[in-house]
Amino acid sequence: MAHEPLVTVETADFSVTYVPALDDDAGTVEDVDAVITTGDGTGWTATLMTARKIAEVLDERSSTGGDPHLRIPDLVVVRSGGLPAMTAALVDLFGQHGLDTTVLPRFVEDEEEDD
């Protein structure tokens, strides 16, 4: 994805804009940030990670004397990597909790102030 800094996926109810690292592959990425937006502008943030990637991060921290925990307020743990699997997880999450949910942090765009 080196040529695409943002990847937007449209679903029936919302769009997801992923912010992958330059060397991430859309089919296998295991750790990616996302902004989810509905047609009316309601939005949420999410960090999607596989359990394998979480273990890798914790192992790396342990071996370097870093924090023995991982705290990410908008974390969504997914079974398998790749943007299609992550999008399916978000569709399922919002299908279960609805589009008025607070299960993920809300994203509010800064409004421009008049001078």
C-alpha atoms as a PDB file:
ATOM      1  CA  MET A   1       0.000   0.000   0.000  1.00  0.00           C
ATOM      2  CA  ALA A   2       2.993   2.306  -0.264  1.00  0.00           C
ATOM      3  CA  HIS A   3       1.158   4.360  -2.882  1.00  0.00           C
ATOM      4  CA  GLU A   4      -2.066   4.757  -0.846  1.00  0.00           C
ATOM      5  CA  PRO A   5      -1.710   6.528   2.521  1.00  0.00           C
ATOM      6  CA  LEU A   6      -5.436   6.141   3.235  1.00  0.00           C
ATOM      7  CA  VAL A   7      -7.760   3.345   2.188  1.00  0.00           C
ATOM      8  CA  THR A   8     -11.515   3.942   2.334  1.00  0.00           C
ATOM      9  CA  VAL A   9     -13.981   1.057   2.301  1.00  0.00           C
ATOM     10  CA  GLU A  10     -17.705   1.694   1.879  1.00  0.00           C
ATOM     11  CA  THR A  11     -20.266  -0.508   3.629  1.00  0.00           C
ATOM     12  CA  ALA A  12     -24.056  -0.314   3.515  1.00  0.00           C
ATOM     13  CA  ASP A  13     -24.200   1.809   6.686  1.00  0.00           C
ATOM     14  CA  PHE A  14     -20.858   3.609   6.986  1.00  0.00           C
ATOM     15  CA  SER A  15     -17.447   4.170   5.465  1.00  0.00           C
ATOM     16  CA  VAL A  16     -14.159   3.145   7.052  1.00  0.00           C
ATOM     17  CA  THR A  17     -10.982   5.094   6.330  1.00  0.00           C
ATOM     18  CA  TYR A  18      -7.947   3.024   7.249  1.00  0.00           C
ATOM     19  CA  VAL A  19      -4.542   4.587   7.938  1.00  0.00           C
ATOM     20  CA  PRO A  20      -2.090   1.774   7.194  1.00  0.00           C
ATOM     21  CA  ALA A  21       1.669   1.957   7.563  1.00  0.00           C
ATOM     22  CA  LEU A  22       3.514   2.433   4.287  1.00  0.00           C
ATOM     23  CA  ASP A  23       4.649  -1.197   4.160  1.00  0.00           C
ATOM     24  CA  ASP A  24       1.298  -2.753   5.178  1.00  0.00           C
ATOM     25  CA  ASP A  25      -0.482  -5.076   2.775  1.00  0.00           C
ATOM     26  CA  ALA A  26      -4.279  -4.688   2.645  1.00  0.00           C
ATOM     27  CA  GLY A  27      -4.776  -8.448   2.650  1.00  0.00           C
ATOM     28  CA  THR A  28      -2.634  -9.221   5.688  1.00  0.00           C
ATOM     29  CA  VAL A  29      -2.300  -6.079   7.855  1.00  0.00           C
ATOM     30  CA  GLU A  30      -2.652  -6.943  11.557  1.00  0.00           C
ATOM     31  CA  ASP A  31      -2.538  -3.487  13.166  1.00  0.00           C
ATOM     32  CA  VAL A  32      -4.257  -0.453  11.672  1.00  0.00           C
ATOM     33  CA  ASP A  33      -6.038   2.698  12.780  1.00  0.00           C
ATOM     34  CA  ALA A  34      -9.394   3.622  11.299  1.00  0.00           C
ATOM     35  CA  VAL A  35     -12.047   6.330  11.262  1.00  0.00           C
ATOM     36  CA  ILE A  36     -15.621   5.127  10.804  1.00  0.00           C
ATOM     37  CA  THR A  37     -18.122   7.672   9.451  1.00  0.00           C
ATOM     38  CA  THR A  38     -21.848   7.469   8.709  1.00  0.00           C
ATOM     39  CA  GLY A  39     -23.648   9.488   6.057  1.00  0.00           C
ATOM     40  CA  ASP A  40     -24.759  12.074   8.624  1.00  0.00           C
ATOM     41  CA  GLY A  41     -21.179  12.693   9.753  1.00  0.00           C
ATOM     42  CA  THR A  42     -21.279  10.658  12.964  1.00  0.00           C
ATOM     43  CA  GLY A  43     -17.878   9.094  13.466  1.00  0.00           C
ATOM     44  CA  TRP A  44     -15.779   6.837  15.644  1.00  0.00           C
ATOM     45  CA  THR A  45     -12.124   5.894  15.877  1.00  0.00           C
ATOM     46  CA  ALA A  46     -10.819   2.351  16.086  1.00  0.00           C
ATOM     47  CA  THR A  47      -7.498   0.582  16.368  1.00  0.00           C
ATOM     48  CA  LEU A  48      -7.866  -2.894  14.916  1.00  0.00           C
ATOM     49  CA  MET A  49      -5.343  -5.565  15.896  1.00  0.00           C
ATOM     50  CA  THR A  50      -5.115  -9.328  15.708  1.00  0.00           C
ATOM     51  CA  ALA A  51      -4.501 -11.289  18.897  1.00  0.00           C
ATOM     52  CA  ARG A  52      -1.204 -12.432  17.369  1.00  0.00           C
ATOM     53  CA  LYS A  53      -0.074  -8.816  16.894  1.00  0.00           C
ATOM     54  CA  ILE A  54      -1.067  -7.922  20.458  1.00  0.00           C
ATOM     55  CA  ALA A  55       1.037 -10.827  21.747  1.00  0.00           C
ATOM     56  CA  GLU A  56       3.940  -9.681  19.561  1.00  0.00           C
ATOM     57  CA  VAL A  57       3.762  -6.133  20.952  1.00  0.00           C
ATOM     58  CA  LEU A  58       3.590  -7.392  24.542  1.00  0.00           C
ATOM     59  CA  ASP A  59       6.495  -9.805  23.974  1.00  0.00           C
ATOM     60  CA  GLU A  60       8.591  -7.004  22.487  1.00  0.00           C
ATOM     61  CA  ARG A  61       7.811  -4.734  25.436  1.00  0.00           C
ATOM     62  CA  SER A  62       8.668  -7.512  27.881  1.00  0.00           C
ATOM     63  CA  SER A  63      12.021  -8.177  26.243  1.00  0.00           C
ATOM     64  CA  THR A  64      12.986  -4.489  26.310  1.00  0.00           C
ATOM     65  CA  GLY A  65      11.790  -3.728  29.845  1.00  0.00           C
ATOM     66  CA  GLY A  66       8.790  -1.775  28.640  1.00  0.00           C
ATOM     67  CA  ASP A  67       5.274  -1.668  30.023  1.00  0.00           C
ATOM     68  CA  PRO A  68       3.815  -5.138  30.709  1.00  0.00           C
ATOM     69  CA  HIS A  69       0.398  -4.019  29.478  1.00  0.00           C
ATOM     70  CA  LEU A  70      -1.259  -2.599  26.396  1.00  0.00           C
ATOM     71  CA  ARG A  71      -3.991   0.004  26.810  1.00  0.00           C
ATOM     72  CA  ILE A  72      -5.739   1.267  23.695  1.00  0.00           C
ATOM     73  CA  PRO A  73      -9.147   2.913  24.359  1.00  0.00           C
ATOM     74  CA  ASP A  74     -10.521   2.214  20.874  1.00  0.00           C
ATOM     75  CA  LEU A  75      -9.106  -1.307  20.457  1.00  0.00           C
ATOM     76  CA  VAL A  76     -11.039  -3.869  18.431  1.00  0.00           C
ATOM     77  CA  VAL A  77      -9.426  -7.323  18.497  1.00  0.00           C
ATOM     78  CA  VAL A  78      -9.944  -9.289  15.297  1.00  0.00           C
ATOM     79  CA  ARG A  79      -9.374 -12.966  14.654  1.00  0.00           C
ATOM     80  CA  SER A  80      -7.520 -12.549  11.362  1.00  0.00           C
ATOM     81  CA  GLY A  81      -5.657  -9.809   9.572  1.00  0.00           C
ATOM     82  CA  GLY A  82      -6.495  -7.922   6.407  1.00  0.00           C
ATOM     83  CA  LEU A  83      -8.791  -5.004   5.707  1.00  0.00           C
ATOM     84  CA  PRO A  84     -11.646  -7.240   4.504  1.00  0.00           C
ATOM     85  CA  ALA A  85     -11.661  -9.139   7.831  1.00  0.00           C
ATOM     86  CA  MET A  86     -11.381  -5.901   9.797  1.00  0.00           C
ATOM     87  CA  THR A  87     -14.226  -4.316   7.858  1.00  0.00           C
ATOM     88  CA  ALA A  88     -16.362  -7.413   8.486  1.00  0.00           C
ATOM     89  CA  ALA A  89     -15.614  -7.109  12.227  1.00  0.00           C
ATOM     90  CA  LEU A  90     -16.741  -3.456  12.217  1.00  0.00           C
ATOM     91  CA  VAL A  91     -19.921  -4.322  10.286  1.00  0.00           C
ATOM     92  CA  ASP A  92     -20.646  -6.996  12.895  1.00  0.00           C
ATOM     93  CA  LEU A  93     -19.857  -4.644  15.806  1.00  0.00           C
ATOM     94  CA  PHE A  94     -22.170  -1.899  14.537  1.00  0.00           C
ATOM     95  CA  GLY A  95     -24.778  -4.486  13.555  1.00  0.00           C
ATOM     96  CA  GLN A  96     -24.885  -5.677  17.167  1.00  0.00           C
ATOM     97  CA  HIS A  97     -24.625  -2.285  18.884  1.00  0.00           C
ATOM     98  CA  GLY A  98     -26.261   0.061  16.364  1.00  0.00           C
ATOM     99  CA  LEU A  99     -25.047   3.311  14.857  1.00  0.00           C
ATOM    100  CA  ASP A 100     -25.782   5.303  18.003  1.00  0.00           C
ATOM    101  CA  THR A 101     -23.336   3.252  20.070  1.00  0.00           C
ATOM    102  CA  THR A 102     -20.617   4.482  22.362  1.00  0.00           C
ATOM    103  CA  VAL A 103     -18.788   1.157  22.240  1.00  0.00           C
ATOM    104  CA  LEU A 104     -16.014   3.042  20.396  1.00  0.00           C
ATOM    105  CA  PRO A 105     -14.862   6.613  21.042  1.00  0.00           C
ATOM    106  CA  ARG A 106     -16.708   9.215  19.009  1.00  0.00           C
ATOM    107  CA  PHE A 107     -14.748  11.183  16.438  1.00  0.00           C
ATOM    108  CA  VAL A 108     -15.643  14.837  16.247  1.00  0.00           C
ATOM    109  CA  GLU A 109     -14.169  16.977  13.509  1.00  0.00           C
ATOM    110  CA  ASP A 110     -12.907  20.354  14.630  1.00  0.00           C
ATOM    111  CA  GLU A 111     -15.163  23.094  13.340  1.00  0.00           C
ATOM    112  CA  GLU A 112     -13.420  26.119  11.937  1.00  0.00           C
ATOM    113  CA  GLU A 113     -13.802  29.123  14.158  1.00  0.00           C
ATOM    114  CA  ASP A 114     -14.703  32.505  12.699  1.00  0.00           C
ATOM    115  CA  ASP A 115     -12.059  35.160  13.266  1.00  0.00           C
END
